């Protein structure tokens, strides 16, 4: 009976020890769960330092000034010395408007990966970094700009087509000898000049520039045509006025004295007859 009691007491002690081990393990696990973590530059995950003052952090992560050259301009960027080129791209995106995906950063003649740390690459205070736009992005941007420019030129072309119908109507009127008011020429010319200003404000490259040049020449041709029609219309108006005066003068001469007519007035014959009778009497 004594042996059985001793064995049972031993088994109880072992169970208690196992429970203590389990509780100690769970406490360790809970402590591990409470640990704070932080991401260091370069994507390294480390345990967060506790009890470090702000001054010590600033000493640990000194700030450096980098001169970034882009498009004939310099940008002074202040970043932590241990930050990455990817962090630098994000800051430059706000400065230049270039998306980080289309940025290319060159340091000492070599392009740098965005995950590479500045201090590892040798970037120090007042170091110079060159920022370039990806050539593929430049080409895509040109295509997009040309597409927008072509659409704007097409809208101008539609307006010019509408105005050209009025030019044709004026041409037909002048050819028929119908006088056109001068105001029609002035207003139509001003409308063409407005379209020229719209074309001048459109940025175009390549094919879009060729289309813009053609439309400019087309508008200039219509303006020259209007100037020609206006001169012919002025001559037509002057001829009509001269013809009217001539007709009025011719009628006035026939009615008043008969100059230019084949038959002389009767009063002239009567006076001549009286004069002849007076001379015979004397």
C-alpha atoms as a PDB file:
ATOM      1  CA  UNK A   1       0.000   0.000   0.000  1.00  0.00           C
ATOM      2  CA  UNK A   2       2.873   2.344   0.746  1.00  0.00           C
ATOM      3  CA  UNK A   3       4.413   1.749  -2.648  1.00  0.00           C
ATOM      4  CA  UNK A   4       1.163   2.612  -4.409  1.00  0.00           C
ATOM      5  CA  UNK A   5       0.828   5.838  -2.427  1.00  0.00           C
ATOM      6  CA  UNK A   6       4.364   6.885  -3.262  1.00  0.00           C
ATOM      7  CA  UNK A   7       3.848   6.241  -6.958  1.00  0.00           C
ATOM      8  CA  UNK A   8       0.619   8.208  -6.962  1.00  0.00           C
ATOM      9  CA  UNK A   9       2.319  11.129  -5.209  1.00  0.00           C
ATOM     10  CA  UNK A  10       5.106  11.064  -7.796  1.00  0.00           C
ATOM     11  CA  UNK A  11       2.636  11.143 -10.643  1.00  0.00           C
ATOM     12  CA  UNK A  12       0.925  14.132  -9.070  1.00  0.00           C
ATOM     13  CA  UNK A  13       4.223  15.978  -8.752  1.00  0.00           C
ATOM     14  CA  UNK A  14       5.047  15.290 -12.384  1.00  0.00           C
ATOM     15  CA  UNK A  15       1.661  16.647 -13.463  1.00  0.00           C
ATOM     16  CA  UNK A  16       2.244  19.814 -11.428  1.00  0.00           C
ATOM     17  CA  UNK A  17       5.687  20.248 -12.991  1.00  0.00           C
ATOM     18  CA  UNK A  18       4.240  19.810 -16.477  1.00  0.00           C
ATOM     19  CA  UNK A  19       1.576  22.393 -15.729  1.00  0.00           C
ATOM     20  CA  UNK A  20       4.237  24.838 -14.508  1.00  0.00           C
ATOM     21  CA  UNK A  21       6.225  24.293 -17.675  1.00  0.00           C
ATOM     22  CA  UNK A  22       3.115  24.908 -19.779  1.00  0.00           C
ATOM     23  CA  UNK A  23       2.278  28.120 -17.935  1.00  0.00           C
ATOM     24  CA  UNK A  24       5.874  29.320 -18.229  1.00  0.00           C
ATOM     25  CA  UNK A  25       5.806  28.585 -21.957  1.00  0.00           C
ATOM     26  CA  UNK A  26       2.523  30.418 -22.417  1.00  0.00           C
ATOM     27  CA  UNK A  27       3.902  33.434 -20.536  1.00  0.00           C
ATOM     28  CA  UNK A  28       6.917  33.499 -22.825  1.00  0.00           C
ATOM     29  CA  UNK A  29       4.641  33.286 -25.838  1.00  0.00           C
ATOM     30  CA  UNK A  30       2.500  36.141 -24.517  1.00  0.00           C
ATOM     31  CA  UNK A  31       5.608  38.224 -23.961  1.00  0.00           C
ATOM     32  CA  UNK A  32       6.655  37.494 -27.551  1.00  0.00           C
ATOM     33  CA  UNK A  33       3.260  38.629 -28.775  1.00  0.00           C
ATOM     34  CA  UNK A  34       3.604  41.934 -26.904  1.00  0.00           C
ATOM     35  CA  UNK A  35       6.938  42.756 -28.567  1.00  0.00           C
ATOM     36  CA  UNK A  36       6.684  45.708 -30.939  1.00  0.00           C
ATOM     37  CA  UNK A  37       8.311  45.526 -34.335  1.00  0.00           C
ATOM     38  CA  UNK A  38       9.462  48.215 -36.735  1.00  0.00           C
ATOM     39  CA  UNK A  39      10.598  48.267 -40.348  1.00  0.00           C
ATOM     40  CA  UNK A  40      14.034  49.698 -40.881  1.00  0.00           C
ATOM     41  CA  UNK A  41      15.206  51.278 -44.177  1.00  0.00           C
ATOM     42  CA  UNK A  42      15.683  48.600 -46.789  1.00  0.00           C
ATOM     43  CA  UNK A  43      12.655  46.605 -45.596  1.00  0.00           C
ATOM     44  CA  UNK A  44      14.438  44.951 -42.632  1.00  0.00           C
ATOM     45  CA  UNK A  45      12.025  43.945 -39.825  1.00  0.00           C
ATOM     46  CA  UNK A  46      13.596  44.414 -36.377  1.00  0.00           C
ATOM     47  CA  UNK A  47      12.432  44.684 -32.781  1.00  0.00           C
ATOM     48  CA  UNK A  48      11.400  48.197 -31.882  1.00  0.00           C
ATOM     49  CA  UNK A  49      13.875  49.905 -29.634  1.00  0.00           C
ATOM     50  CA  UNK A  50      12.392  50.897 -26.283  1.00  0.00           C
ATOM     51  CA  UNK A  51      13.617  53.753 -24.152  1.00  0.00           C
ATOM     52  CA  UNK A  52      15.481  55.538 -26.944  1.00  0.00           C
ATOM     53  CA  UNK A  53      15.011  59.303 -26.886  1.00  0.00           C
ATOM     54  CA  UNK A  54      14.282  61.476 -29.898  1.00  0.00           C
ATOM     55  CA  UNK A  55      17.797  62.905 -29.765  1.00  0.00           C
ATOM     56  CA  UNK A  56      19.276  59.405 -29.917  1.00  0.00           C
ATOM     57  CA  UNK A  57      16.997  58.542 -32.869  1.00  0.00           C
ATOM     58  CA  UNK A  58      18.117  61.653 -34.713  1.00  0.00           C
ATOM     59  CA  UNK A  59      21.720  60.718 -34.104  1.00  0.00           C
ATOM     60  CA  UNK A  60      21.052  57.165 -35.246  1.00  0.00           C
ATOM     61  CA  UNK A  61      19.253  58.370 -38.406  1.00  0.00           C
ATOM     62  CA  UNK A  62      20.991  61.567 -39.542  1.00  0.00           C
ATOM     63  CA  UNK A  63      19.355  63.645 -42.268  1.00  0.00           C
ATOM     64  CA  UNK A  64      21.234  64.467 -45.463  1.00  0.00           C
ATOM     65  CA  UNK A  65      20.571  66.924 -48.274  1.00  0.00           C
ATOM     66  CA  UNK A  66      20.685  65.565 -51.832  1.00  0.00           C
ATOM     67  CA  UNK A  67      20.828  67.713 -54.967  1.00  0.00           C
ATOM     68  CA  UNK A  68      18.666  66.085 -57.624  1.00  0.00           C
ATOM     69  CA  UNK A  69      19.088  67.254 -61.229  1.00  0.00           C
ATOM     70  CA  UNK A  70      16.046  67.002 -63.475  1.00  0.00           C
ATOM     71  CA  UNK A  71      15.175  68.820 -66.685  1.00  0.00           C
ATOM     72  CA  UNK A  72      17.848  71.540 -66.307  1.00  0.00           C
ATOM     73  CA  UNK A  73      16.684  72.225 -62.717  1.00  0.00           C
ATOM     74  CA  UNK A  74      18.024  71.271 -59.290  1.00  0.00           C
ATOM     75  CA  UNK A  75      15.854  70.091 -56.406  1.00  0.00           C
ATOM     76  CA  UNK A  76      17.213  70.025 -52.847  1.00  0.00           C
ATOM     77  CA  UNK A  77      15.768  66.999 -51.069  1.00  0.00           C
ATOM     78  CA  UNK A  78      16.314  66.252 -47.367  1.00  0.00           C
ATOM     79  CA  UNK A  79      15.961  62.568 -46.465  1.00  0.00           C
ATOM     80  CA  UNK A  80      17.252  60.182 -43.774  1.00  0.00           C
ATOM     81  CA  UNK A  81      20.713  58.915 -44.611  1.00  0.00           C
ATOM     82  CA  UNK A  82      19.570  55.286 -44.368  1.00  0.00           C
ATOM     83  CA  UNK A  83      16.464  55.649 -46.533  1.00  0.00           C
ATOM     84  CA  UNK A  84      16.143  53.971 -49.923  1.00  0.00           C
ATOM     85  CA  UNK A  85      16.030  55.270 -53.474  1.00  0.00           C
ATOM     86  CA  UNK A  86      12.369  54.259 -53.493  1.00  0.00           C
ATOM     87  CA  UNK A  87      11.683  56.737 -50.681  1.00  0.00           C
ATOM     88  CA  UNK A  88      13.542  59.370 -52.666  1.00  0.00           C
ATOM     89  CA  UNK A  89      11.338  58.665 -55.700  1.00  0.00           C
ATOM     90  CA  UNK A  90       8.190  59.247 -53.647  1.00  0.00           C
ATOM     91  CA  UNK A  91       9.466  62.652 -52.547  1.00  0.00           C
ATOM     92  CA  UNK A  92      10.483  63.545 -56.101  1.00  0.00           C
ATOM     93  CA  UNK A  93       7.025  62.558 -57.327  1.00  0.00           C
ATOM     94  CA  UNK A  94       5.569  65.429 -55.292  1.00  0.00           C
ATOM     95  CA  UNK A  95       8.246  67.831 -56.556  1.00  0.00           C
ATOM     96  CA  UNK A  96       8.277  66.978 -60.266  1.00  0.00           C
ATOM     97  CA  UNK A  97       4.945  65.270 -60.915  1.00  0.00           C
ATOM     98  CA  UNK A  98       6.662  62.160 -62.293  1.00  0.00           C
ATOM     99  CA  UNK A  99       5.209  58.888 -61.085  1.00  0.00           C
ATOM    100  CA  UNK A 100       7.782  56.729 -59.244  1.00  0.00           C
ATOM    101  CA  UNK A 101       7.286  53.937 -61.787  1.00  0.00           C
ATOM    102  CA  UNK A 102       8.597  56.132 -64.629  1.00  0.00           C
ATOM    103  CA  UNK A 103      11.524  57.596 -62.665  1.00  0.00           C
ATOM    104  CA  UNK A 104      15.115  56.546 -63.238  1.00  0.00           C
ATOM    105  CA  UNK A 105      17.649  57.619 -60.611  1.00  0.00           C
ATOM    106  CA  UNK A 106      21.313  57.661 -61.577  1.00  0.00           C
ATOM    107  CA  UNK A 107      24.146  58.042 -59.083  1.00  0.00           C
ATOM    108  CA  UNK A 108      27.749  58.103 -60.231  1.00  0.00           C
ATOM    109  CA  UNK A 109      26.662  57.094 -63.728  1.00  0.00           C
ATOM    110  CA  UNK A 110      24.716  53.997 -62.670  1.00  0.00           C
ATOM    111  CA  UNK A 111      20.976  53.490 -62.369  1.00  0.00           C
ATOM    112  CA  UNK A 112      19.920  52.558 -58.853  1.00  0.00           C
ATOM    113  CA  UNK A 113      17.240  50.119 -57.768  1.00  0.00           C
ATOM    114  CA  UNK A 114      14.478  51.533 -55.593  1.00  0.00           C
ATOM    115  CA  UNK A 115      15.177  49.001 -52.815  1.00  0.00           C
ATOM    116  CA  UNK A 116      18.834  49.992 -52.552  1.00  0.00           C
ATOM    117  CA  UNK A 117      19.767  52.090 -49.523  1.00  0.00           C
ATOM    118  CA  UNK A 118      21.324  55.503 -50.034  1.00  0.00           C
ATOM    119  CA  UNK A 119      24.168  55.064 -47.554  1.00  0.00           C
ATOM    120  CA  UNK A 120      25.075  51.672 -49.011  1.00  0.00           C
ATOM    121  CA  UNK A 121      25.274  53.185 -52.499  1.00  0.00           C
ATOM    122  CA  UNK A 122      27.596  55.903 -51.161  1.00  0.00           C
ATOM    123  CA  UNK A 123      25.144  58.798 -51.174  1.00  0.00           C
ATOM    124  CA  UNK A 124      26.244  61.404 -48.647  1.00  0.00           C
ATOM    125  CA  UNK A 125      25.273  64.923 -47.704  1.00  0.00           C
ATOM    126  CA  UNK A 126      25.214  67.269 -50.762  1.00  0.00           C
ATOM    127  CA  UNK A 127      25.632  64.342 -53.172  1.00  0.00           C
ATOM    128  CA  UNK A 128      24.217  64.789 -56.692  1.00  0.00           C
ATOM    129  CA  UNK A 129      21.649  62.402 -58.139  1.00  0.00           C
ATOM    130  CA  UNK A 130      20.287  62.594 -61.692  1.00  0.00           C
ATOM    131  CA  UNK A 131      16.588  62.031 -62.303  1.00  0.00           C
ATOM    132  CA  UNK A 132      15.468  60.914 -65.763  1.00  0.00           C
ATOM    133  CA  UNK A 133      12.096  59.967 -67.181  1.00  0.00           C
ATOM    134  CA  UNK A 134      11.737  56.508 -68.655  1.00  0.00           C
ATOM    135  CA  UNK A 135      12.020  56.784 -72.491  1.00  0.00           C
ATOM    136  CA  UNK A 136       9.059  54.437 -72.943  1.00  0.00           C
ATOM    137  CA  UNK A 137       6.961  56.716 -70.756  1.00  0.00           C
ATOM    138  CA  UNK A 138       8.089  59.731 -72.784  1.00  0.00           C
ATOM    139  CA  UNK A 139       7.038  58.052 -76.004  1.00  0.00           C
ATOM    140  CA  UNK A 140       3.681  57.068 -74.539  1.00  0.00           C
ATOM    141  CA  UNK A 141       3.143  60.621 -73.322  1.00  0.00           C
ATOM    142  CA  UNK A 142       3.879  61.963 -76.821  1.00  0.00           C
ATOM    143  CA  UNK A 143       1.322  59.579 -78.296  1.00  0.00           C
ATOM    144  CA  UNK A 144      -1.287  60.705 -75.787  1.00  0.00           C
ATOM    145  CA  UNK A 145      -0.529  64.394 -76.403  1.00  0.00           C
ATOM    146  CA  UNK A 146      -0.711  63.901 -80.174  1.00  0.00           C
ATOM    147  CA  UNK A 147      -4.032  62.104 -79.811  1.00  0.00           C
ATOM    148  CA  UNK A 148      -5.483  65.004 -77.835  1.00  0.00           C
ATOM    149  CA  UNK A 149      -3.989  67.502 -80.302  1.00  0.00           C
ATOM    150  CA  UNK A 150      -5.475  65.690 -83.296  1.00  0.00           C
ATOM    151  CA  UNK A 151      -8.908  65.780 -81.681  1.00  0.00           C
ATOM    152  CA  UNK A 152      -8.594  69.529 -81.056  1.00  0.00           C
ATOM    153  CA  UNK A 153      -7.472  70.142 -84.651  1.00  0.00           C
ATOM    154  CA  UNK A 154     -10.412  68.090 -85.918  1.00  0.00           C
ATOM    155  CA  UNK A 155     -12.818  70.319 -83.984  1.00  0.00           C
ATOM    156  CA  UNK A 156     -11.253  73.405 -85.581  1.00  0.00           C
ATOM    157  CA  UNK A 157     -11.539  71.766 -89.008  1.00  0.00           C
ATOM    158  CA  UNK A 158     -15.291  71.313 -88.504  1.00  0.00           C
ATOM    159  CA  UNK A 159     -15.705  75.016 -87.708  1.00  0.00           C
ATOM    160  CA  UNK A 160     -13.643  76.007 -90.741  1.00  0.00           C
ATOM    161  CA  UNK A 161     -15.831  73.804 -92.947  1.00  0.00           C
ATOM    162  CA  UNK A 162     -18.909  75.683 -91.746  1.00  0.00           C
ATOM    163  CA  UNK A 163     -17.276  79.041 -92.482  1.00  0.00           C
ATOM    164  CA  UNK A 164     -16.137  77.865 -95.916  1.00  0.00           C
ATOM    165  CA  UNK A 165     -19.776  77.479 -97.002  1.00  0.00           C
ATOM    166  CA  UNK A 166     -20.296  81.181 -96.329  1.00  0.00           C
ATOM    167  CA  UNK A 167     -17.224  82.012 -98.401  1.00  0.00           C
ATOM    168  CA  UNK A 168     -18.678  80.053-101.321  1.00  0.00           C
ATOM    169  CA  UNK A 169     -21.991  81.912-100.972  1.00  0.00           C
ATOM    170  CA  UNK A 170     -20.200  85.277-101.083  1.00  0.00           C
ATOM    171  CA  UNK A 171     -18.195  84.179-104.118  1.00  0.00           C
ATOM    172  CA  UNK A 172     -21.364  83.265-106.021  1.00  0.00           C
ATOM    173  CA  UNK A 173     -22.996  86.585-105.109  1.00  0.00           C
ATOM    174  CA  UNK A 174     -20.013  88.596-106.330  1.00  0.00           C
ATOM    175  CA  UNK A 175     -19.849  86.636-109.575  1.00  0.00           C
ATOM    176  CA  UNK A 176     -23.549  87.340-110.201  1.00  0.00           C
ATOM    177  CA  UNK A 177     -22.914  91.034-109.701  1.00  0.00           C
ATOM    178  CA  UNK A 178     -24.873  91.212-106.460  1.00  0.00           C
ATOM    179  CA  UNK A 179     -23.467  93.690-104.000  1.00  0.00           C
ATOM    180  CA  UNK A 180     -22.519  92.259-100.564  1.00  0.00           C
ATOM    181  CA  UNK A 181     -22.366  94.355 -97.424  1.00  0.00           C
ATOM    182  CA  UNK A 182     -18.848  95.055 -96.142  1.00  0.00           C
ATOM    183  CA  UNK A 183     -19.864  93.833 -92.694  1.00  0.00           C
ATOM    184  CA  UNK A 184     -20.121  90.274 -94.050  1.00  0.00           C
ATOM    185  CA  UNK A 185     -16.442  90.324 -95.039  1.00  0.00           C
ATOM    186  CA  UNK A 186     -15.321  91.793 -91.697  1.00  0.00           C
ATOM    187  CA  UNK A 187     -17.254  89.332 -89.518  1.00  0.00           C
ATOM    188  CA  UNK A 188     -16.255  86.294 -91.558  1.00  0.00           C
ATOM    189  CA  UNK A 189     -12.576  87.285 -91.510  1.00  0.00           C
ATOM    190  CA  UNK A 190     -12.677  87.701 -87.718  1.00  0.00           C
ATOM    191  CA  UNK A 191     -14.207  84.241 -87.320  1.00  0.00           C
ATOM    192  CA  UNK A 192     -11.374  82.748 -89.357  1.00  0.00           C
ATOM    193  CA  UNK A 193      -8.812  84.575 -87.205  1.00  0.00           C
ATOM    194  CA  UNK A 194     -10.381  83.081 -84.067  1.00  0.00           C
ATOM    195  CA  UNK A 195      -9.819  79.598 -85.498  1.00  0.00           C
ATOM    196  CA  UNK A 196      -6.200  80.527 -86.203  1.00  0.00           C
ATOM    197  CA  UNK A 197      -5.744  81.480 -82.551  1.00  0.00           C
ATOM    198  CA  UNK A 198      -7.250  78.151 -81.482  1.00  0.00           C
ATOM    199  CA  UNK A 199      -4.774  76.303 -83.690  1.00  0.00           C
ATOM    200  CA  UNK A 200      -1.892  78.334 -82.300  1.00  0.00           C
ATOM    201  CA  UNK A 201      -2.780  77.272 -78.739  1.00  0.00           C
ATOM    202  CA  UNK A 202      -2.630  73.543 -79.599  1.00  0.00           C
ATOM    203  CA  UNK A 203       0.627  71.758 -78.742  1.00  0.00           C
ATOM    204  CA  UNK A 204       1.396  69.294 -81.497  1.00  0.00           C
ATOM    205  CA  UNK A 205       4.217  66.957 -82.490  1.00  0.00           C
ATOM    206  CA  UNK A 206       4.707  64.725 -85.491  1.00  0.00           C
ATOM    207  CA  UNK A 207       1.521  64.006 -87.419  1.00  0.00           C
ATOM    208  CA  UNK A 208      -0.510  66.450 -85.333  1.00  0.00           C
ATOM    209  CA  UNK A 209       1.876  69.266 -86.235  1.00  0.00           C
ATOM    210  CA  UNK A 210       1.495  68.425 -89.934  1.00  0.00           C
ATOM    211  CA  UNK A 211      -2.305  68.534 -89.638  1.00  0.00           C
ATOM    212  CA  UNK A 212      -2.152  71.850 -87.821  1.00  0.00           C
ATOM    213  CA  UNK A 213       0.090  73.365 -90.503  1.00  0.00           C
ATOM    214  CA  UNK A 214      -2.299  72.250 -93.260  1.00  0.00           C
ATOM    215  CA  UNK A 215      -5.283  73.757 -91.462  1.00  0.00           C
ATOM    216  CA  UNK A 216      -3.427  77.044 -90.954  1.00  0.00           C
ATOM    217  CA  UNK A 217      -2.673  77.262 -94.695  1.00  0.00           C
ATOM    218  CA  UNK A 218      -6.303  76.448 -95.450  1.00  0.00           C
ATOM    219  CA  UNK A 219      -7.587  79.273 -93.255  1.00  0.00           C
ATOM    220  CA  UNK A 220      -5.095  81.722 -94.748  1.00  0.00           C
ATOM    221  CA  UNK A 221      -6.314  80.773 -98.217  1.00  0.00           C
ATOM    222  CA  UNK A 222      -9.926  81.535 -97.245  1.00  0.00           C
ATOM    223  CA  UNK A 223      -8.895  84.899 -95.778  1.00  0.00           C
ATOM    224  CA  UNK A 224      -7.088  85.792 -99.013  1.00  0.00           C
ATOM    225  CA  UNK A 225     -10.192  84.822-100.982  1.00  0.00           C
ATOM    226  CA  UNK A 226     -12.320  87.110 -98.821  1.00  0.00           C
ATOM    227  CA  UNK A 227      -9.919  90.005 -99.411  1.00  0.00           C
ATOM    228  CA  UNK A 228     -10.148  89.406-103.153  1.00  0.00           C
ATOM    229  CA  UNK A 229     -13.955  89.232-103.090  1.00  0.00           C
ATOM    230  CA  UNK A 230     -14.116  92.367-100.969  1.00  0.00           C
ATOM    231  CA  UNK A 231     -12.062  94.307-103.535  1.00  0.00           C
ATOM    232  CA  UNK A 232     -14.272  93.066-106.374  1.00  0.00           C
ATOM    233  CA  UNK A 233     -17.359  93.921-104.358  1.00  0.00           C
ATOM    234  CA  UNK A 234     -16.085  97.479-103.843  1.00  0.00           C
ATOM    235  CA  UNK A 235     -15.509  97.895-107.583  1.00  0.00           C
ATOM    236  CA  UNK A 236     -18.969  96.521-108.250  1.00  0.00           C
ATOM    237  CA  UNK A 237     -20.499  99.022-105.834  1.00  0.00           C
ATOM    238  CA  UNK A 238     -18.624 101.942-107.388  1.00  0.00           C
ATOM    239  CA  UNK A 239     -19.648 100.887-110.900  1.00  0.00           C
ATOM    240  CA  UNK A 240     -23.280 100.667-109.869  1.00  0.00           C
ATOM    241  CA  UNK A 241     -23.156 104.145-108.360  1.00  0.00           C
ATOM    242  CA  UNK A 242     -21.475 105.625-111.448  1.00  0.00           C
ATOM    243  CA  UNK A 243     -24.013 103.970-113.744  1.00  0.00           C
ATOM    244  CA  UNK A 244     -26.890 105.396-111.749  1.00  0.00           C
ATOM    245  CA  UNK A 245     -25.470 108.917-111.844  1.00  0.00           C
ATOM    246  CA  UNK A 246     -24.894 108.657-115.572  1.00  0.00           C
ATOM    247  CA  UNK A 247     -28.436 107.608-116.181  1.00  0.00           C
ATOM    248  CA  UNK A 248     -29.771 110.388-114.020  1.00  0.00           C
ATOM    249  CA  UNK A 249     -27.554 112.996-115.716  1.00  0.00           C
ATOM    250  CA  UNK A 250     -28.501 111.841-119.193  1.00  0.00           C
ATOM    251  CA  UNK A 251     -32.201 112.162-118.451  1.00  0.00           C
ATOM    252  CA  UNK A 252     -31.681 115.555-116.845  1.00  0.00           C
ATOM    253  CA  UNK A 253     -29.830 116.873-119.941  1.00  0.00           C
ATOM    254  CA  UNK A 254     -32.545 115.706-122.338  1.00  0.00           C
ATOM    255  CA  UNK A 255     -35.255 117.190-120.195  1.00  0.00           C
ATOM    256  CA  UNK A 256     -33.557 120.541-119.554  1.00  0.00           C
ATOM    257  CA  UNK A 257     -31.824 121.654-122.755  1.00  0.00           C
ATOM    258  CA  UNK A 258     -31.876 118.766-125.188  1.00  0.00           C
ATOM    259  CA  UNK A 259     -28.092 118.573-125.388  1.00  0.00           C
ATOM    260  CA  UNK A 260     -27.117 115.363-127.061  1.00  0.00           C
ATOM    261  CA  UNK A 261     -30.586 114.811-128.556  1.00  0.00           C
ATOM    262  CA  UNK A 262     -31.408 114.783-132.267  1.00  0.00           C
ATOM    263  CA  UNK A 263     -34.423 117.109-132.043  1.00  0.00           C
ATOM    264  CA  UNK A 264     -34.007 120.714-130.857  1.00  0.00           C
ATOM    265  CA  UNK A 265     -36.660 122.340-128.672  1.00  0.00           C
ATOM    266  CA  UNK A 266     -39.547 124.103-130.410  1.00  0.00           C
ATOM    267  CA  UNK A 267     -38.939 127.379-128.561  1.00  0.00           C
ATOM    268  CA  UNK A 268     -35.589 127.726-130.250  1.00  0.00           C
ATOM    269  CA  UNK A 269     -37.215 127.565-133.728  1.00  0.00           C
ATOM    270  CA  UNK A 270     -39.812 130.155-132.778  1.00  0.00           C
ATOM    271  CA  UNK A 271     -37.225 132.655-131.562  1.00  0.00           C
ATOM    272  CA  UNK A 272     -35.201 132.129-134.714  1.00  0.00           C
ATOM    273  CA  UNK A 273     -38.248 132.742-136.855  1.00  0.00           C
ATOM    274  CA  UNK A 274     -39.055 136.012-135.134  1.00  0.00           C
ATOM    275  CA  UNK A 275     -35.494 137.219-135.517  1.00  0.00           C
ATOM    276  CA  UNK A 276     -35.549 136.497-139.218  1.00  0.00           C
ATOM    277  CA  UNK A 277     -38.827 138.466-139.692  1.00  0.00           C
ATOM    278  CA  UNK A 278     -37.368 141.437-137.803  1.00  0.00           C
ATOM    279  CA  UNK A 279     -34.344 141.574-140.052  1.00  0.00           C
ATOM    280  CA  UNK A 280     -36.510 141.528-143.255  1.00  0.00           C
ATOM    281  CA  UNK A 281     -38.624 144.461-141.993  1.00  0.00           C
ATOM    282  CA  UNK A 282     -35.510 146.623-141.417  1.00  0.00           C
END
